Amino acid sequence: MLSQLRKQGLSDKCIGIVYDAIVLSKVLYALSGWGGCISLVLIDRIDASFCKAYRWKLTCTQYNFNDLLFDVDSKLFVCSKSELHCLHMLPLRSSSSQMTLRPRGHSCDAPRVVYDLI
């Protein structure tokens, strides 16, 4: 679709806007929720598609999955500190876990909820 828009005379800047609106929005949707669970193979595939889009001049920005994930997580963490945010009510406590899945910019753990159904 983007190549068809280019053939019809759409400028590179406008194609970059369309790329961001369609492709990047799909990747960024709920990235904080699924970004930490994705495998390295899939991260490499996403990064490869970003590189291909940059080579084909579909976007003027070279995107990187890990950078996007860090930006989204940081923004969510800062927003959750606001009293108006729905996550503000959840108590954050210092992490006591020895297992680290990926580097974080803070030392807080998400609260754990235990259900006793019996």
C-alpha atoms as a PDB file:
ATOM      1  CA  MET A   1       0.000   0.000   0.000  1.00  0.00           C
ATOM      2  CA  LEU A   2       2.789   2.427   0.847  1.00  0.00           C
ATOM      3  CA  SER A   3       4.560   1.729  -2.438  1.00  0.00           C
ATOM      4  CA  GLN A   4       1.299   2.410  -4.281  1.00  0.00           C
ATOM      5  CA  LEU A   5       0.989   5.735  -2.482  1.00  0.00           C
ATOM      6  CA  ARG A   6       4.563   6.566  -3.515  1.00  0.00           C
ATOM      7  CA  LYS A   7       3.773   5.690  -7.158  1.00  0.00           C
ATOM      8  CA  GLN A   8       0.792   8.048  -7.009  1.00  0.00           C
ATOM      9  CA  GLY A   9       3.115  10.898  -6.044  1.00  0.00           C
ATOM     10  CA  LEU A  10       2.858  11.083  -2.240  1.00  0.00           C
ATOM     11  CA  SER A  11       5.944  12.711  -0.737  1.00  0.00           C
ATOM     12  CA  ASP A  12       8.407  10.840   1.491  1.00  0.00           C
ATOM     13  CA  LYS A  13       7.355  12.878   4.517  1.00  0.00           C
ATOM     14  CA  CYS A  14       3.696  11.946   4.029  1.00  0.00           C
ATOM     15  CA  ILE A  15       4.595   8.289   3.510  1.00  0.00           C
ATOM     16  CA  GLY A  16       6.484   8.406   6.804  1.00  0.00           C
ATOM     17  CA  ILE A  17       3.379   9.749   8.522  1.00  0.00           C
ATOM     18  CA  VAL A  18       1.244   6.975   7.027  1.00  0.00           C
ATOM     19  CA  TYR A  19       3.858   4.363   8.077  1.00  0.00           C
ATOM     20  CA  ASP A  20       3.845   5.681  11.635  1.00  0.00           C
ATOM     21  CA  ALA A  21       0.061   5.734  11.726  1.00  0.00           C
ATOM     22  CA  ILE A  22      -0.381   2.193  10.432  1.00  0.00           C
ATOM     23  CA  VAL A  23       2.670   0.083  11.256  1.00  0.00           C
ATOM     24  CA  LEU A  24       4.139   1.776  14.296  1.00  0.00           C
ATOM     25  CA  SER A  25       0.752   2.110  15.984  1.00  0.00           C
ATOM     26  CA  LYS A  26       0.250  -1.665  15.625  1.00  0.00           C
ATOM     27  CA  VAL A  27       3.589  -2.349  17.318  1.00  0.00           C
ATOM     28  CA  LEU A  28       3.046   0.216  20.075  1.00  0.00           C
ATOM     29  CA  TYR A  29      -0.462  -0.974  20.951  1.00  0.00           C
ATOM     30  CA  ALA A  30      -0.268  -2.332  24.532  1.00  0.00           C
ATOM     31  CA  LEU A  31       3.504  -2.750  24.160  1.00  0.00           C
ATOM     32  CA  SER A  32       4.008  -2.533  27.925  1.00  0.00           C
ATOM     33  CA  GLY A  33       1.798  -5.605  28.315  1.00  0.00           C
ATOM     34  CA  TRP A  34       3.313  -7.905  25.717  1.00  0.00           C
ATOM     35  CA  GLY A  35       6.775  -6.447  25.135  1.00  0.00           C
ATOM     36  CA  GLY A  36       8.427  -8.210  28.072  1.00  0.00           C
ATOM     37  CA  CYS A  37       7.111 -11.629  27.032  1.00  0.00           C
ATOM     38  CA  ILE A  38       8.324 -11.637  23.443  1.00  0.00           C
ATOM     39  CA  SER A  39      11.233 -13.852  22.363  1.00  0.00           C
ATOM     40  CA  LEU A  40      14.515 -12.583  20.950  1.00  0.00           C
ATOM     41  CA  VAL A  41      13.702 -14.179  17.601  1.00  0.00           C
ATOM     42  CA  LEU A  42      10.539 -12.122  17.282  1.00  0.00           C
ATOM     43  CA  ILE A  43      12.346  -8.967  18.431  1.00  0.00           C
ATOM     44  CA  ASP A  44      14.892  -9.564  15.661  1.00  0.00           C
ATOM     45  CA  ARG A  45      12.090  -9.985  13.111  1.00  0.00           C
ATOM     46  CA  ILE A  46      10.432  -6.744  14.199  1.00  0.00           C
ATOM     47  CA  ASP A  47      13.772  -4.910  14.096  1.00  0.00           C
ATOM     48  CA  ALA A  48      14.442  -6.358  10.635  1.00  0.00           C
ATOM     49  CA  SER A  49      11.126  -5.007   9.372  1.00  0.00           C
ATOM     50  CA  PHE A  50      12.003  -1.592  10.843  1.00  0.00           C
ATOM     51  CA  CYS A  51      15.372  -1.697   9.032  1.00  0.00           C
ATOM     52  CA  LYS A  52      13.704  -2.679   5.767  1.00  0.00           C
ATOM     53  CA  ALA A  53      11.220   0.171   6.065  1.00  0.00           C
ATOM     54  CA  TYR A  54      14.077   2.599   6.694  1.00  0.00           C
ATOM     55  CA  ARG A  55      16.061   1.250   3.701  1.00  0.00           C
ATOM     56  CA  TRP A  56      13.027   1.568   1.440  1.00  0.00           C
ATOM     57  CA  LYS A  57      12.514   5.132   2.738  1.00  0.00           C
ATOM     58  CA  LEU A  58       9.080   4.363   4.115  1.00  0.00           C
ATOM     59  CA  THR A  59      10.105   6.185   7.289  1.00  0.00           C
ATOM     60  CA  CYS A  60      12.786   8.727   8.076  1.00  0.00           C
ATOM     61  CA  THR A  61      13.406   7.279  11.562  1.00  0.00           C
ATOM     62  CA  GLN A  62      15.352   4.092  12.296  1.00  0.00           C
ATOM     63  CA  TYR A  63      13.180   2.418  14.960  1.00  0.00           C
ATOM     64  CA  ASN A  64      14.456  -0.150  17.450  1.00  0.00           C
ATOM     65  CA  PHE A  65      12.127  -2.453  19.397  1.00  0.00           C
ATOM     66  CA  ASN A  66      14.028  -2.237  22.692  1.00  0.00           C
ATOM     67  CA  ASP A  67      14.150   1.560  22.542  1.00  0.00           C
ATOM     68  CA  LEU A  68      10.412   1.728  21.863  1.00  0.00           C
ATOM     69  CA  LEU A  69       9.728  -0.668  24.749  1.00  0.00           C
ATOM     70  CA  PHE A  70      11.890   1.366  27.132  1.00  0.00           C
ATOM     71  CA  ASP A  71      10.158   4.611  26.117  1.00  0.00           C
ATOM     72  CA  VAL A  72       6.672   3.145  26.554  1.00  0.00           C
ATOM     73  CA  ASP A  73       7.514   1.543  29.915  1.00  0.00           C
ATOM     74  CA  SER A  74       9.083   4.761  31.192  1.00  0.00           C
ATOM     75  CA  LYS A  75       6.075   6.805  30.111  1.00  0.00           C
ATOM     76  CA  LEU A  76       3.672   4.369  31.792  1.00  0.00           C
ATOM     77  CA  PHE A  77       5.695   4.385  35.018  1.00  0.00           C
ATOM     78  CA  VAL A  78       5.778   8.191  35.137  1.00  0.00           C
ATOM     79  CA  CYS A  79       2.053   8.415  34.368  1.00  0.00           C
ATOM     80  CA  SER A  80       1.219   5.847  37.048  1.00  0.00           C
ATOM     81  CA  LYS A  81       2.687   8.158  39.680  1.00  0.00           C
ATOM     82  CA  SER A  82       0.014  10.754  38.914  1.00  0.00           C
ATOM     83  CA  GLU A  83      -2.946  10.741  41.315  1.00  0.00           C
ATOM     84  CA  LEU A  84      -5.328  10.794  38.347  1.00  0.00           C
ATOM     85  CA  HIS A  85      -3.995   7.561  36.823  1.00  0.00           C
ATOM     86  CA  CYS A  86      -5.820   4.275  37.475  1.00  0.00           C
ATOM     87  CA  LEU A  87      -2.570   2.500  38.425  1.00  0.00           C
ATOM     88  CA  HIS A  88      -1.813   5.052  41.146  1.00  0.00           C
ATOM     89  CA  MET A  89      -3.916   3.108  43.669  1.00  0.00           C
ATOM     90  CA  LEU A  90      -1.733   0.010  43.357  1.00  0.00           C
ATOM     91  CA  PRO A  91       0.927   0.022  46.052  1.00  0.00           C
ATOM     92  CA  LEU A  92       4.449  -0.279  44.681  1.00  0.00           C
ATOM     93  CA  ARG A  93       7.003  -1.967  46.880  1.00  0.00           C
ATOM     94  CA  SER A  94      10.715  -2.526  46.536  1.00  0.00           C
ATOM     95  CA  SER A  95      11.679  -5.579  44.548  1.00  0.00           C
ATOM     96  CA  SER A  96      12.970  -8.528  46.543  1.00  0.00           C
ATOM     97  CA  SER A  97      13.196 -10.938  43.613  1.00  0.00           C
ATOM     98  CA  GLN A  98      16.588 -12.213  42.511  1.00  0.00           C
ATOM     99  CA  MET A  99      15.353 -12.939  38.986  1.00  0.00           C
ATOM    100  CA  THR A 100      15.771 -10.119  36.474  1.00  0.00           C
ATOM    101  CA  LEU A 101      14.163 -10.534  33.092  1.00  0.00           C
ATOM    102  CA  ARG A 102      15.203  -7.187  31.613  1.00  0.00           C
ATOM    103  CA  PRO A 103      16.736  -4.003  32.948  1.00  0.00           C
ATOM    104  CA  ARG A 104      14.337  -1.591  34.623  1.00  0.00           C
ATOM    105  CA  GLY A 105      14.703   2.055  35.512  1.00  0.00           C
ATOM    106  CA  HIS A 106      13.272   1.516  38.992  1.00  0.00           C
ATOM    107  CA  SER A 107      13.397  -0.961  41.866  1.00  0.00           C
ATOM    108  CA  CYS A 108       9.651  -1.482  42.325  1.00  0.00           C
ATOM    109  CA  ASP A 109       7.616  -4.658  41.998  1.00  0.00           C
ATOM    110  CA  ALA A 110       4.054  -4.912  40.773  1.00  0.00           C
ATOM    111  CA  PRO A 111       1.684  -6.075  43.531  1.00  0.00           C
ATOM    112  CA  ARG A 112       0.820  -9.755  43.626  1.00  0.00           C
ATOM    113  CA  VAL A 113      -2.784 -10.767  44.171  1.00  0.00           C
ATOM    114  CA  VAL A 114      -3.494 -14.163  45.726  1.00  0.00           C
ATOM    115  CA  TYR A 115      -6.984 -15.583  45.397  1.00  0.00           C
ATOM    116  CA  ASP A 116      -8.232 -18.160  47.902  1.00  0.00           C
ATOM    117  CA  LEU A 117     -11.166 -19.761  46.103  1.00  0.00           C
ATOM    118  CA  ILE A 118     -11.855 -22.517  48.626  1.00  0.00           C
END
